[in-house]
Amino acid sequence: MTQRILTAASKAHSSGVTVLTAAGELDYHTATELRAAVDDAAFTADGTVIDLSGLTYCDSTGLTVLVTAYQRAQAAGSPLALAGLSADLAHVFEIVGLDQLFTLSPTVEEAIRSLRR
């Protein structure tokens, strides 16, 4: 069996927005990495962007972690946007209706701008 790898990190953008970055395969075996980053992230009034441009795979467990991030952002009063979804992942979001829940942007910079509107 091939080992699945996901990296997740959080950093403050110069705009004050918290940017969480996830890269690799987001699934049952790796979701704890992103979940920990979400738990540790500062969801502030400036907003939060989750950059998914480095994801190569995302299953339903990964979607659940993203919905949990949305719920945490809502509870904190922090606007949230997702950036960099692949065409396949964007299609999954459309199928399950998550495109109605999340603000989706092609890049982190565009996601940050969307939080300012």
PDB file of N, CA and C in Angstrom:
ATOM      1  N   MET A   1       0.837  -1.182   0.000  1.00  0.00           N
ATOM      2  CA  MET A   1       0.000   0.000   0.000  1.00  0.00           C
ATOM      3  C   MET A   1       0.881   1.245   0.000  1.00  0.00           C
ATOM      4  N   THR A   2       0.524   2.199  -0.801  1.00  0.00           N
ATOM      5  CA  THR A   2       1.243   3.459  -0.874  1.00  0.00           C
ATOM      6  C   THR A   2       0.848   4.341   0.301  1.00  0.00           C
ATOM      7  N   GLN A   3       1.834   4.964   0.930  1.00  0.00           N
ATOM      8  CA  GLN A   3       1.540   5.853   2.045  1.00  0.00           C
ATOM      9  C   GLN A   3       0.959   7.155   1.514  1.00  0.00           C
ATOM     10  N   ARG A   4      -0.149   7.570   2.107  1.00  0.00           N
ATOM     11  CA  ARG A   4      -0.778   8.832   1.723  1.00  0.00           C
ATOM     12  C   ARG A   4      -0.140   9.958   2.521  1.00  0.00           C
ATOM     13  N   ILE A   5       0.065  11.088   1.860  1.00  0.00           N
ATOM     14  CA  ILE A   5       0.709  12.214   2.513  1.00  0.00           C
ATOM     15  C   ILE A   5      -0.122  13.476   2.301  1.00  0.00           C
ATOM     16  N   LEU A   6      -0.301  14.217   3.382  1.00  0.00           N
ATOM     17  CA  LEU A   6      -0.939  15.526   3.318  1.00  0.00           C
ATOM     18  C   LEU A   6      -0.150  16.454   4.221  1.00  0.00           C
ATOM     19  N   THR A   7       0.126  17.635   3.725  1.00  0.00           N
ATOM     20  CA  THR A   7       0.712  18.661   4.580  1.00  0.00           C
ATOM     21  C   THR A   7      -0.313  19.771   4.741  1.00  0.00           C
ATOM     22  N   ALA A   8      -0.359  20.309   5.922  1.00  0.00           N
ATOM     23  CA  ALA A   8      -1.273  21.411   6.208  1.00  0.00           C
ATOM     24  C   ALA A   8      -0.535  22.416   7.072  1.00  0.00           C
ATOM     25  N   ALA A   9      -0.633  23.672   6.693  1.00  0.00           N
ATOM     26  CA  ALA A   9       0.062  24.726   7.434  1.00  0.00           C
ATOM     27  C   ALA A   9      -0.800  25.979   7.455  1.00  0.00           C
ATOM     28  N   SER A  10      -0.563  26.790   8.453  1.00  0.00           N
ATOM     29  CA  SER A  10      -1.285  28.043   8.616  1.00  0.00           C
ATOM     30  C   SER A  10      -0.283  29.180   8.699  1.00  0.00           C
ATOM     31  N   LYS A  11      -0.624  30.296   8.042  1.00  0.00           N
ATOM     32  CA  LYS A  11       0.228  31.486   8.154  1.00  0.00           C
ATOM     33  C   LYS A  11      -0.648  32.726   8.032  1.00  0.00           C
ATOM     34  N   ALA A  12      -0.141  33.804   8.562  1.00  0.00           N
ATOM     35  CA  ALA A  12      -0.850  35.081   8.455  1.00  0.00           C
ATOM     36  C   ALA A  12      -0.412  35.773   7.168  1.00  0.00           C
ATOM     37  N   HIS A  13      -1.358  36.188   6.374  1.00  0.00           N
ATOM     38  CA  HIS A  13      -1.099  36.952   5.157  1.00  0.00           C
ATOM     39  C   HIS A  13      -0.893  38.418   5.560  1.00  0.00           C
ATOM     40  N   SER A  14      -0.207  39.178   4.752  1.00  0.00           N
ATOM     41  CA  SER A  14       0.049  40.589   5.066  1.00  0.00           C
ATOM     42  C   SER A  14      -1.239  41.393   5.226  1.00  0.00           C
ATOM     43  N   SER A  15      -2.345  40.900   4.676  1.00  0.00           N
ATOM     44  CA  SER A  15      -3.642  41.570   4.800  1.00  0.00           C
ATOM     45  C   SER A  15      -4.295  41.322   6.155  1.00  0.00           C
ATOM     46  N   GLY A  16      -3.733  40.398   6.933  1.00  0.00           N
ATOM     47  CA  GLY A  16      -4.334  40.017   8.204  1.00  0.00           C
ATOM     48  C   GLY A  16      -5.150  38.748   8.121  1.00  0.00           C
ATOM     49  N   VAL A  17      -5.406  38.292   6.906  1.00  0.00           N
ATOM     50  CA  VAL A  17      -6.167  37.068   6.691  1.00  0.00           C
ATOM     51  C   VAL A  17      -5.299  35.861   7.054  1.00  0.00           C
ATOM     52  N   THR A  18      -5.908  34.877   7.709  1.00  0.00           N
ATOM     53  CA  THR A  18      -5.220  33.616   7.979  1.00  0.00           C
ATOM     54  C   THR A  18      -5.344  32.742   6.736  1.00  0.00           C
ATOM     55  N   VAL A  19      -4.233  32.204   6.261  1.00  0.00           N
ATOM     56  CA  VAL A  19      -4.242  31.317   5.093  1.00  0.00           C
ATOM     57  C   VAL A  19      -3.804  29.925   5.543  1.00  0.00           C
ATOM     58  N   LEU A  20      -4.720  28.974   5.399  1.00  0.00           N
ATOM     59  CA  LEU A  20      -4.411  27.567   5.641  1.00  0.00           C
ATOM     60  C   LEU A  20      -4.119  26.939   4.291  1.00  0.00           C
ATOM     61  N   THR A  21      -3.038  26.195   4.196  1.00  0.00           N
ATOM     62  CA  THR A  21      -2.672  25.554   2.947  1.00  0.00           C
ATOM     63  C   THR A  21      -2.655  24.048   3.147  1.00  0.00           C
ATOM     64  N   ALA A  22      -3.316  23.328   2.250  1.00  0.00           N
ATOM     65  CA  ALA A  22      -3.326  21.865   2.286  1.00  0.00           C
ATOM     66  C   ALA A  22      -2.789  21.354   0.958  1.00  0.00           C
ATOM     67  N   ALA A  23      -1.877  20.392   1.024  1.00  0.00           N
ATOM     68  CA  ALA A  23      -1.295  19.820  -0.195  1.00  0.00           C
ATOM     69  C   ALA A  23      -1.154  18.319  -0.023  1.00  0.00           C
ATOM     70  N   GLY A  24      -1.484  17.593  -1.078  1.00  0.00           N
ATOM     71  CA  GLY A  24      -1.388  16.137  -1.052  1.00  0.00           C
ATOM     72  C   GLY A  24      -2.765  15.509  -1.169  1.00  0.00           C
ATOM     73  N   GLU A  25      -2.914  14.359  -0.544  1.00  0.00           N
ATOM     74  CA  GLU A  25      -4.170  13.618  -0.582  1.00  0.00           C
ATOM     75  C   GLU A  25      -4.931  13.829   0.718  1.00  0.00           C
ATOM     76  N   LEU A  26      -6.138  14.374   0.605  1.00  0.00           N
ATOM     77  CA  LEU A  26      -6.986  14.622   1.767  1.00  0.00           C
ATOM     78  C   LEU A  26      -8.043  13.524   1.812  1.00  0.00           C
ATOM     79  N   ASP A  27      -7.829  12.569   2.718  1.00  0.00           N
ATOM     80  CA  ASP A  27      -8.757  11.451   2.828  1.00  0.00           C
ATOM     81  C   ASP A  27      -8.819  10.975   4.277  1.00  0.00           C
ATOM     82  N   TYR A  28      -9.466   9.852   4.480  1.00  0.00           N
ATOM     83  CA  TYR A  28      -9.653   9.289   5.817  1.00  0.00           C
ATOM     84  C   TYR A  28      -8.335   9.161   6.564  1.00  0.00           C
ATOM     85  N   HIS A  29      -7.287   8.783   5.869  1.00  0.00           N
ATOM     86  CA  HIS A  29      -5.996   8.523   6.508  1.00  0.00           C
ATOM     87  C   HIS A  29      -5.204   9.793   6.816  1.00  0.00           C
ATOM     88  N   THR A  30      -5.511  10.890   6.148  1.00  0.00           N
ATOM     89  CA  THR A  30      -4.711  12.110   6.298  1.00  0.00           C
ATOM     90  C   THR A  30      -5.495  13.299   6.836  1.00  0.00           C
ATOM     91  N   ALA A  31      -6.786  13.165   6.978  1.00  0.00           N
ATOM     92  CA  ALA A  31      -7.632  14.297   7.371  1.00  0.00           C
ATOM     93  C   ALA A  31      -7.236  14.888   8.718  1.00  0.00           C
ATOM     94  N   THR A  32      -6.613  14.085   9.575  1.00  0.00           N
ATOM     95  CA  THR A  32      -6.214  14.606  10.885  1.00  0.00           C
ATOM     96  C   THR A  32      -5.228  15.765  10.751  1.00  0.00           C
ATOM     97  N   GLU A  33      -4.408  15.762   9.692  1.00  0.00           N
ATOM     98  CA  GLU A  33      -3.458  16.861   9.482  1.00  0.00           C
ATOM     99  C   GLU A  33      -4.193  18.187   9.261  1.00  0.00           C
ATOM    100  N   LEU A  34      -5.173  18.176   8.365  1.00  0.00           N
ATOM    101  CA  LEU A  34      -5.916  19.409   8.106  1.00  0.00           C
ATOM    102  C   LEU A  34      -6.796  19.752   9.300  1.00  0.00           C
ATOM    103  N   ARG A  35      -7.394  18.751   9.921  1.00  0.00           N
ATOM    104  CA  ARG A  35      -8.229  19.001  11.097  1.00  0.00           C
ATOM    105  C   ARG A  35      -7.418  19.710  12.189  1.00  0.00           C
ATOM    106  N   ALA A  36      -6.188  19.270  12.408  1.00  0.00           N
ATOM    107  CA  ALA A  36      -5.327  19.902  13.412  1.00  0.00           C
ATOM    108  C   ALA A  36      -5.008  21.346  13.023  1.00  0.00           C
ATOM    109  N   ALA A  37      -4.744  21.581  11.750  1.00  0.00           N
ATOM    110  CA  ALA A  37      -4.459  22.947  11.283  1.00  0.00           C
ATOM    111  C   ALA A  37      -5.677  23.841  11.465  1.00  0.00           C
ATOM    112  N   VAL A  38      -6.867  23.312  11.185  1.00  0.00           N
ATOM    113  CA  VAL A  38      -8.109  24.073  11.382  1.00  0.00           C
ATOM    114  C   VAL A  38      -8.292  24.374  12.865  1.00  0.00           C
ATOM    115  N   ASP A  39      -8.054  23.382  13.712  1.00  0.00           N
ATOM    116  CA  ASP A  39      -8.205  23.575  15.162  1.00  0.00           C
ATOM    117  C   ASP A  39      -7.244  24.624  15.694  1.00  0.00           C
ATOM    118  N   ASP A  40      -6.042  24.682  15.128  1.00  0.00           N
ATOM    119  CA  ASP A  40      -5.013  25.613  15.605  1.00  0.00           C
ATOM    120  C   ASP A  40      -5.092  26.992  14.963  1.00  0.00           C
ATOM    121  N   ALA A  41      -5.830  27.129  13.874  1.00  0.00           N
ATOM    122  CA  ALA A  41      -5.858  28.386  13.118  1.00  0.00           C
ATOM    123  C   ALA A  41      -6.610  29.474  13.871  1.00  0.00           C
ATOM    124  N   ALA A  42      -6.168  30.692  13.639  1.00  0.00           N
ATOM    125  CA  ALA A  42      -6.842  31.863  14.199  1.00  0.00           C
ATOM    126  C   ALA A  42      -7.930  32.297  13.223  1.00  0.00           C
ATOM    127  N   PHE A  43      -9.169  32.049  13.585  1.00  0.00           N
ATOM    128  CA  PHE A  43     -10.296  32.510  12.777  1.00  0.00           C
ATOM    129  C   PHE A  43     -10.668  33.896  13.292  1.00  0.00           C
ATOM    130  N   THR A  44     -10.185  34.926  12.594  1.00  0.00           N
ATOM    131  CA  THR A  44     -10.354  36.308  13.047  1.00  0.00           C
ATOM    132  C   THR A  44     -11.363  37.039  12.164  1.00  0.00           C
ATOM    133  N   ALA A  45     -11.678  38.249  12.569  1.00  0.00           N
ATOM    134  CA  ALA A  45     -12.603  39.071  11.788  1.00  0.00           C
ATOM    135  C   ALA A  45     -12.042  39.413  10.411  1.00  0.00           C
ATOM    136  N   ASP A  46     -10.704  39.346  10.250  1.00  0.00           N
ATOM    137  CA  ASP A  46     -10.096  39.603   8.942  1.00  0.00           C
ATOM    138  C   ASP A  46     -10.426  38.507   7.941  1.00  0.00           C
ATOM    139  N   GLY A  47     -10.711  37.311   8.434  1.00  0.00           N
ATOM    140  CA  GLY A  47     -11.099  36.218   7.559  1.00  0.00           C
ATOM    141  C   GLY A  47     -10.045  35.135   7.444  1.00  0.00           C
ATOM    142  N   THR A  48     -10.471  34.055   6.816  1.00  0.00           N
ATOM    143  CA  THR A  48      -9.629  32.884   6.635  1.00  0.00           C
ATOM    144  C   THR A  48      -9.801  32.368   5.212  1.00  0.00           C
ATOM    145  N   VAL A  49      -8.694  31.982   4.610  1.00  0.00           N
ATOM    146  CA  VAL A  49      -8.710  31.347   3.291  1.00  0.00           C
ATOM    147  C   VAL A  49      -8.058  29.978   3.438  1.00  0.00           C
ATOM    148  N   ILE A  50      -8.695  28.969   2.877  1.00  0.00           N
ATOM    149  CA  ILE A  50      -8.086  27.644   2.820  1.00  0.00           C
ATOM    150  C   ILE A  50      -7.667  27.403   1.373  1.00  0.00           C
ATOM    151  N   ASP A  51      -6.366  27.293   1.171  1.00  0.00           N
ATOM    152  CA  ASP A  51      -5.792  27.102  -0.166  1.00  0.00           C
ATOM    153  C   ASP A  51      -5.702  25.604  -0.446  1.00  0.00           C
ATOM    154  N   LEU A  52      -6.487  25.151  -1.406  1.00  0.00           N
ATOM    155  CA  LEU A  52      -6.541  23.731  -1.773  1.00  0.00           C
ATOM    156  C   LEU A  52      -5.867  23.456  -3.107  1.00  0.00           C
ATOM    157  N   SER A  53      -5.095  24.409  -3.608  1.00  0.00           N
ATOM    158  CA  SER A  53      -4.486  24.253  -4.930  1.00  0.00           C
ATOM    159  C   SER A  53      -3.487  23.101  -4.981  1.00  0.00           C
ATOM    160  N   GLY A  54      -2.974  22.687  -3.844  1.00  0.00           N
ATOM    161  CA  GLY A  54      -2.014  21.589  -3.815  1.00  0.00           C
ATOM    162  C   GLY A  54      -2.632  20.220  -3.576  1.00  0.00           C
ATOM    163  N   LEU A  55      -3.964  20.162  -3.484  1.00  0.00           N
ATOM    164  CA  LEU A  55      -4.597  18.855  -3.279  1.00  0.00           C
ATOM    165  C   LEU A  55      -4.573  18.039  -4.560  1.00  0.00           C
ATOM    166  N   THR A  56      -4.269  16.767  -4.403  1.00  0.00           N
ATOM    167  CA  THR A  56      -4.325  15.852  -5.539  1.00  0.00           C
ATOM    168  C   THR A  56      -5.524  14.917  -5.438  1.00  0.00           C
ATOM    169  N   TYR A  57      -6.144  14.885  -4.253  1.00  0.00           N
ATOM    170  CA  TYR A  57      -7.291  14.006  -4.028  1.00  0.00           C
ATOM    171  C   TYR A  57      -8.033  14.494  -2.791  1.00  0.00           C
ATOM    172  N   CYS A  58      -9.357  14.350  -2.789  1.00  0.00           N
ATOM    173  CA  CYS A  58     -10.166  14.692  -1.623  1.00  0.00           C
ATOM    174  C   CYS A  58     -11.379  13.775  -1.589  1.00  0.00           C
ATOM    175  N   ASP A  59     -11.561  13.059  -0.469  1.00  0.00           N
ATOM    176  CA  ASP A  59     -12.737  12.206  -0.339  1.00  0.00           C
ATOM    177  C   ASP A  59     -13.735  12.852   0.622  1.00  0.00           C
ATOM    178  N   SER A  60     -14.784  12.109   0.982  1.00  0.00           N
ATOM    179  CA  SER A  60     -15.842  12.666   1.825  1.00  0.00           C
ATOM    180  C   SER A  60     -15.337  13.053   3.211  1.00  0.00           C
ATOM    181  N   THR A  61     -14.319  12.375   3.715  1.00  0.00           N
ATOM    182  CA  THR A  61     -13.754  12.748   5.007  1.00  0.00           C
ATOM    183  C   THR A  61     -13.127  14.135   4.910  1.00  0.00           C
ATOM    184  N   GLY A  62     -12.448  14.402   3.816  1.00  0.00           N
ATOM    185  CA  GLY A  62     -11.869  15.720   3.601  1.00  0.00           C
ATOM    186  C   GLY A  62     -12.942  16.792   3.501  1.00  0.00           C
ATOM    187  N   LEU A  63     -14.038  16.479   2.806  1.00  0.00           N
ATOM    188  CA  LEU A  63     -15.146  17.428   2.707  1.00  0.00           C
ATOM    189  C   LEU A  63     -15.701  17.739   4.096  1.00  0.00           C
ATOM    190  N   THR A  64     -15.783  16.719   4.940  1.00  0.00           N
ATOM    191  CA  THR A  64     -16.272  16.912   6.304  1.00  0.00           C
ATOM    192  C   THR A  64     -15.371  17.862   7.084  1.00  0.00           C
ATOM    193  N   VAL A  65     -14.064  17.743   6.923  1.00  0.00           N
ATOM    194  CA  VAL A  65     -13.139  18.650   7.601  1.00  0.00           C
ATOM    195  C   VAL A  65     -13.365  20.080   7.111  1.00  0.00           C
ATOM    196  N   LEU A  66     -13.602  20.257   5.828  1.00  0.00           N
ATOM    197  CA  LEU A  66     -13.844  21.592   5.287  1.00  0.00           C
ATOM    198  C   LEU A  66     -15.154  22.178   5.810  1.00  0.00           C
ATOM    199  N   VAL A  67     -16.177  21.343   5.940  1.00  0.00           N
ATOM    200  CA  VAL A  67     -17.450  21.810   6.508  1.00  0.00           C
ATOM    201  C   VAL A  67     -17.256  22.184   7.979  1.00  0.00           C
ATOM    202  N   THR A  68     -16.451  21.418   8.697  1.00  0.00           N
ATOM    203  CA  THR A  68     -16.131  21.747  10.081  1.00  0.00           C
ATOM    204  C   THR A  68     -15.425  23.100  10.160  1.00  0.00           C
ATOM    205  N   ALA A  69     -14.520  23.364   9.229  1.00  0.00           N
ATOM    206  CA  ALA A  69     -13.841  24.667   9.181  1.00  0.00           C
ATOM    207  C   ALA A  69     -14.860  25.781   8.949  1.00  0.00           C
ATOM    208  N   TYR A  70     -15.816  25.533   8.066  1.00  0.00           N
ATOM    209  CA  TYR A  70     -16.874  26.508   7.807  1.00  0.00           C
ATOM    210  C   TYR A  70     -17.654  26.797   9.090  1.00  0.00           C
ATOM    211  N   GLN A  71     -18.010  25.738   9.813  1.00  0.00           N
ATOM    212  CA  GLN A  71     -18.771  25.909  11.053  1.00  0.00           C
ATOM    213  C   GLN A  71     -17.964  26.684  12.094  1.00  0.00           C
ATOM    214  N   ARG A  72     -16.688  26.392  12.173  1.00  0.00           N
ATOM    215  CA  ARG A  72     -15.815  27.107  13.117  1.00  0.00           C
ATOM    216  C   ARG A  72     -15.715  28.579  12.727  1.00  0.00           C
ATOM    217  N   ALA A  73     -15.575  28.859  11.442  1.00  0.00           N
ATOM    218  CA  ALA A  73     -15.501  30.244  10.975  1.00  0.00           C
ATOM    219  C   ALA A  73     -16.801  30.983  11.288  1.00  0.00           C
ATOM    220  N   GLN A  74     -17.923  30.339  11.058  1.00  0.00           N
ATOM    221  CA  GLN A  74     -19.211  30.962  11.350  1.00  0.00           C
ATOM    222  C   GLN A  74     -19.345  31.291  12.832  1.00  0.00           C
ATOM    223  N   ALA A  75     -18.948  30.355  13.683  1.00  0.00           N
ATOM    224  CA  ALA A  75     -19.030  30.559  15.131  1.00  0.00           C
ATOM    225  C   ALA A  75     -18.128  31.707  15.589  1.00  0.00           C
ATOM    226  N   ALA A  76     -17.005  31.894  14.900  1.00  0.00           N
ATOM    227  CA  ALA A  76     -16.054  32.943  15.265  1.00  0.00           C
ATOM    228  C   ALA A  76     -16.367  34.278  14.583  1.00  0.00           C
ATOM    229  N   GLY A  77     -17.340  34.294  13.678  1.00  0.00           N
ATOM    230  CA  GLY A  77     -17.629  35.512  12.928  1.00  0.00           C
ATOM    231  C   GLY A  77     -16.535  35.858  11.939  1.00  0.00           C
ATOM    232  N   SER A  78     -15.881  34.826  11.429  1.00  0.00           N
ATOM    233  CA  SER A  78     -14.760  35.010  10.503  1.00  0.00           C
ATOM    234  C   SER A  78     -15.197  34.608   9.099  1.00  0.00           C
ATOM    235  N   PRO A  79     -15.131  35.531   8.139  1.00  0.00           N
ATOM    236  CA  PRO A  79     -15.457  35.133   6.766  1.00  0.00           C
ATOM    237  C   PRO A  79     -14.465  34.075   6.289  1.00  0.00           C
ATOM    238  N   LEU A  80     -14.944  33.149   5.471  1.00  0.00           N
ATOM    239  CA  LEU A  80     -14.126  32.031   4.999  1.00  0.00           C
ATOM    240  C   LEU A  80     -14.281  31.885   3.493  1.00  0.00           C
ATOM    241  N   ALA A  81     -13.168  31.627   2.833  1.00  0.00           N
ATOM    242  CA  ALA A  81     -13.184  31.345   1.398  1.00  0.00           C
ATOM    243  C   ALA A  81     -12.220  30.199   1.114  1.00  0.00           C
ATOM    244  N   LEU A  82     -12.518  29.457   0.072  1.00  0.00           N
ATOM    245  CA  LEU A  82     -11.634  28.393  -0.395  1.00  0.00           C
ATOM    246  C   LEU A  82     -11.013  28.841  -1.702  1.00  0.00           C
ATOM    247  N   ALA A  83      -9.752  28.474  -1.881  1.00  0.00           N
ATOM    248  CA  ALA A  83      -9.038  28.879  -3.093  1.00  0.00           C
ATOM    249  C   ALA A  83      -8.389  27.683  -3.759  1.00  0.00           C
ATOM    250  N   GLY A  84      -8.282  27.758  -5.077  1.00  0.00           N
ATOM    251  CA  GLY A  84      -7.469  26.812  -5.830  1.00  0.00           C
ATOM    252  C   GLY A  84      -8.043  25.429  -6.022  1.00  0.00           C
ATOM    253  N   LEU A  85      -9.354  25.281  -6.002  1.00  0.00           N
ATOM    254  CA  LEU A  85      -9.936  23.961  -6.223  1.00  0.00           C
ATOM    255  C   LEU A  85      -9.676  23.508  -7.654  1.00  0.00           C
ATOM    256  N   SER A  86      -9.299  22.248  -7.800  1.00  0.00           N
ATOM    257  CA  SER A  86      -9.148  21.686  -9.140  1.00  0.00           C
ATOM    258  C   SER A  86     -10.529  21.613  -9.786  1.00  0.00           C
ATOM    259  N   ALA A  87     -10.567  21.426 -11.090  1.00  0.00           N
ATOM    260  CA  ALA A  87     -11.846  21.299 -11.787  1.00  0.00           C
ATOM    261  C   ALA A  87     -12.643  20.113 -11.249  1.00  0.00           C
ATOM    262  N   ASP A  88     -11.969  19.010 -10.971  1.00  0.00           N
ATOM    263  CA  ASP A  88     -12.663  17.829 -10.443  1.00  0.00           C
ATOM    264  C   ASP A  88     -13.263  18.104  -9.073  1.00  0.00           C
ATOM    265  N   LEU A  89     -12.497  18.742  -8.196  1.00  0.00           N
ATOM    266  CA  LEU A  89     -13.001  19.024  -6.851  1.00  0.00           C
ATOM    267  C   LEU A  89     -14.120  20.065  -6.903  1.00  0.00           C
ATOM    268  N   ALA A  90     -13.999  21.047  -7.761  1.00  0.00           N
ATOM    269  CA  ALA A  90     -15.065  22.034  -7.920  1.00  0.00           C
ATOM    270  C   ALA A  90     -16.346  21.355  -8.389  1.00  0.00           C
ATOM    271  N   HIS A  91     -16.212  20.365  -9.254  1.00  0.00           N
ATOM    272  CA  HIS A  91     -17.382  19.618  -9.736  1.00  0.00           C
ATOM    273  C   HIS A  91     -18.031  18.849  -8.591  1.00  0.00           C
ATOM    274  N   VAL A  92     -17.240  18.238  -7.728  1.00  0.00           N
ATOM    275  CA  VAL A  92     -17.780  17.537  -6.562  1.00  0.00           C
ATOM    276  C   VAL A  92     -18.523  18.527  -5.668  1.00  0.00           C
ATOM    277  N   PHE A  93     -17.940  19.704  -5.450  1.00  0.00           N
ATOM    278  CA  PHE A  93     -18.597  20.720  -4.634  1.00  0.00           C
ATOM    279  C   PHE A  93     -19.956  21.088  -5.223  1.00  0.00           C
ATOM    280  N   GLU A  94     -20.029  21.201  -6.554  1.00  0.00           N
ATOM    281  CA  GLU A  94     -21.296  21.514  -7.209  1.00  0.00           C
ATOM    282  C   GLU A  94     -22.305  20.393  -7.015  1.00  0.00           C
ATOM    283  N   ILE A  95     -21.867  19.147  -7.172  1.00  0.00           N
ATOM    284  CA  ILE A  95     -22.768  17.997  -7.049  1.00  0.00           C
ATOM    285  C   ILE A  95     -23.392  17.925  -5.658  1.00  0.00           C
ATOM    286  N   VAL A  96     -22.587  18.131  -4.625  1.00  0.00           N
ATOM    287  CA  VAL A  96     -23.090  17.997  -3.251  1.00  0.00           C
ATOM    288  C   VAL A  96     -23.607  19.316  -2.668  1.00  0.00           C
ATOM    289  N   GLY A  97     -23.529  20.399  -3.438  1.00  0.00           N
ATOM    290  CA  GLY A  97     -24.081  21.672  -3.009  1.00  0.00           C
ATOM    291  C   GLY A  97     -23.164  22.524  -2.157  1.00  0.00           C
ATOM    292  N   LEU A  98     -21.913  22.130  -2.004  1.00  0.00           N
ATOM    293  CA  LEU A  98     -20.991  22.917  -1.184  1.00  0.00           C
ATOM    294  C   LEU A  98     -20.591  24.219  -1.859  1.00  0.00           C
ATOM    295  N   ASP A  99     -20.805  24.328  -3.158  1.00  0.00           N
ATOM    296  CA  ASP A  99     -20.536  25.592  -3.839  1.00  0.00           C
ATOM    297  C   ASP A  99     -21.518  26.667  -3.382  1.00  0.00           C
ATOM    298  N   GLN A 100     -22.637  26.261  -2.776  1.00  0.00           N
ATOM    299  CA  GLN A 100     -23.603  27.207  -2.226  1.00  0.00           C
ATOM    300  C   GLN A 100     -23.225  27.642  -0.813  1.00  0.00           C
ATOM    301  N   LEU A 101     -22.395  26.851  -0.154  1.00  0.00           N
ATOM    302  CA  LEU A 101     -21.979  27.125   1.225  1.00  0.00           C
ATOM    303  C   LEU A 101     -20.706  27.959   1.275  1.00  0.00           C
ATOM    304  N   PHE A 102     -19.750  27.611   0.423  1.00  0.00           N
ATOM    305  CA  PHE A 102     -18.436  28.245   0.432  1.00  0.00           C
ATOM    306  C   PHE A 102     -18.306  29.295  -0.659  1.00  0.00           C
ATOM    307  N   THR A 103     -17.468  30.292  -0.390  1.00  0.00           N
ATOM    308  CA  THR A 103     -17.008  31.209  -1.426  1.00  0.00           C
ATOM    309  C   THR A 103     -15.792  30.547  -2.061  1.00  0.00           C
ATOM    310  N   LEU A 104     -15.839  30.325  -3.363  1.00  0.00           N
ATOM    311  CA  LEU A 104     -14.763  29.636  -4.076  1.00  0.00           C
ATOM    312  C   LEU A 104     -14.061  30.624  -5.000  1.00  0.00           C
ATOM    313  N   SER A 105     -12.742  30.603  -4.943  1.00  0.00           N
ATOM    314  CA  SER A 105     -11.940  31.490  -5.789  1.00  0.00           C
ATOM    315  C   SER A 105     -10.789  30.703  -6.396  1.00  0.00           C
ATOM    316  N   PRO A 106     -10.334  31.108  -7.580  1.00  0.00           N
ATOM    317  CA  PRO A 106      -9.243  30.367  -8.226  1.00  0.00           C
ATOM    318  C   PRO A 106      -7.887  30.535  -7.544  1.00  0.00           C
ATOM    319  N   THR A 107      -7.657  31.679  -6.879  1.00  0.00           N
ATOM    320  CA  THR A 107      -6.357  31.920  -6.244  1.00  0.00           C
ATOM    321  C   THR A 107      -6.560  32.460  -4.831  1.00  0.00           C
ATOM    322  N   VAL A 108      -5.505  32.397  -4.045  1.00  0.00           N
ATOM    323  CA  VAL A 108      -5.554  32.935  -2.689  1.00  0.00           C
ATOM    324  C   VAL A 108      -5.814  34.439  -2.728  1.00  0.00           C
ATOM    325  N   GLU A 109      -5.141  35.149  -3.616  1.00  0.00           N
ATOM    326  CA  GLU A 109      -5.317  36.607  -3.685  1.00  0.00           C
ATOM    327  C   GLU A 109      -6.759  36.978  -4.035  1.00  0.00           C
ATOM    328  N   GLU A 110      -7.361  36.235  -4.967  1.00  0.00           N
ATOM    329  CA  GLU A 110      -8.760  36.511  -5.315  1.00  0.00           C
ATOM    330  C   GLU A 110      -9.679  36.155  -4.158  1.00  0.00           C
ATOM    331  N   ALA A 111      -9.352  35.097  -3.426  1.00  0.00           N
ATOM    332  CA  ALA A 111     -10.149  34.720  -2.255  1.00  0.00           C
ATOM    333  C   ALA A 111     -10.083  35.812  -1.195  1.00  0.00           C
ATOM    334  N   ILE A 112      -8.903  36.369  -0.988  1.00  0.00           N
ATOM    335  CA  ILE A 112      -8.750  37.464  -0.015  1.00  0.00           C
ATOM    336  C   ILE A 112      -9.589  38.662  -0.443  1.00  0.00           C
ATOM    337  N   ARG A 113      -9.558  38.982  -1.730  1.00  0.00           N
ATOM    338  CA  ARG A 113     -10.379  40.097  -2.223  1.00  0.00           C
ATOM    339  C   ARG A 113     -11.866  39.797  -2.011  1.00  0.00           C
ATOM    340  N   SER A 114     -12.269  38.543  -2.189  1.00  0.00           N
ATOM    341  CA  SER A 114     -13.690  38.191  -2.022  1.00  0.00           C
ATOM    342  C   SER A 114     -14.143  38.373  -0.573  1.00  0.00           C
ATOM    343  N   LEU A 115     -13.227  38.243   0.372  1.00  0.00           N
ATOM    344  CA  LEU A 115     -13.572  38.427   1.771  1.00  0.00           C
ATOM    345  C   LEU A 115     -13.833  39.894   2.100  1.00  0.00           C
ATOM    346  N   ARG A 116     -13.308  40.783   1.283  1.00  0.00           N
ATOM    347  CA  ARG A 116     -13.440  42.230   1.517  1.00  0.00           C
ATOM    348  C   ARG A 116     -14.744  42.794   0.975  1.00  0.00           C
ATOM    349  N   ARG A 117     -15.468  42.019   0.197  1.00  0.00           N
ATOM    350  CA  ARG A 117     -16.712  42.520  -0.428  1.00  0.00           C
ATOM    351  C   ARG A 117     -17.840  42.522   0.551  1.00  0.00           C
TER     352      ARG A 117
END
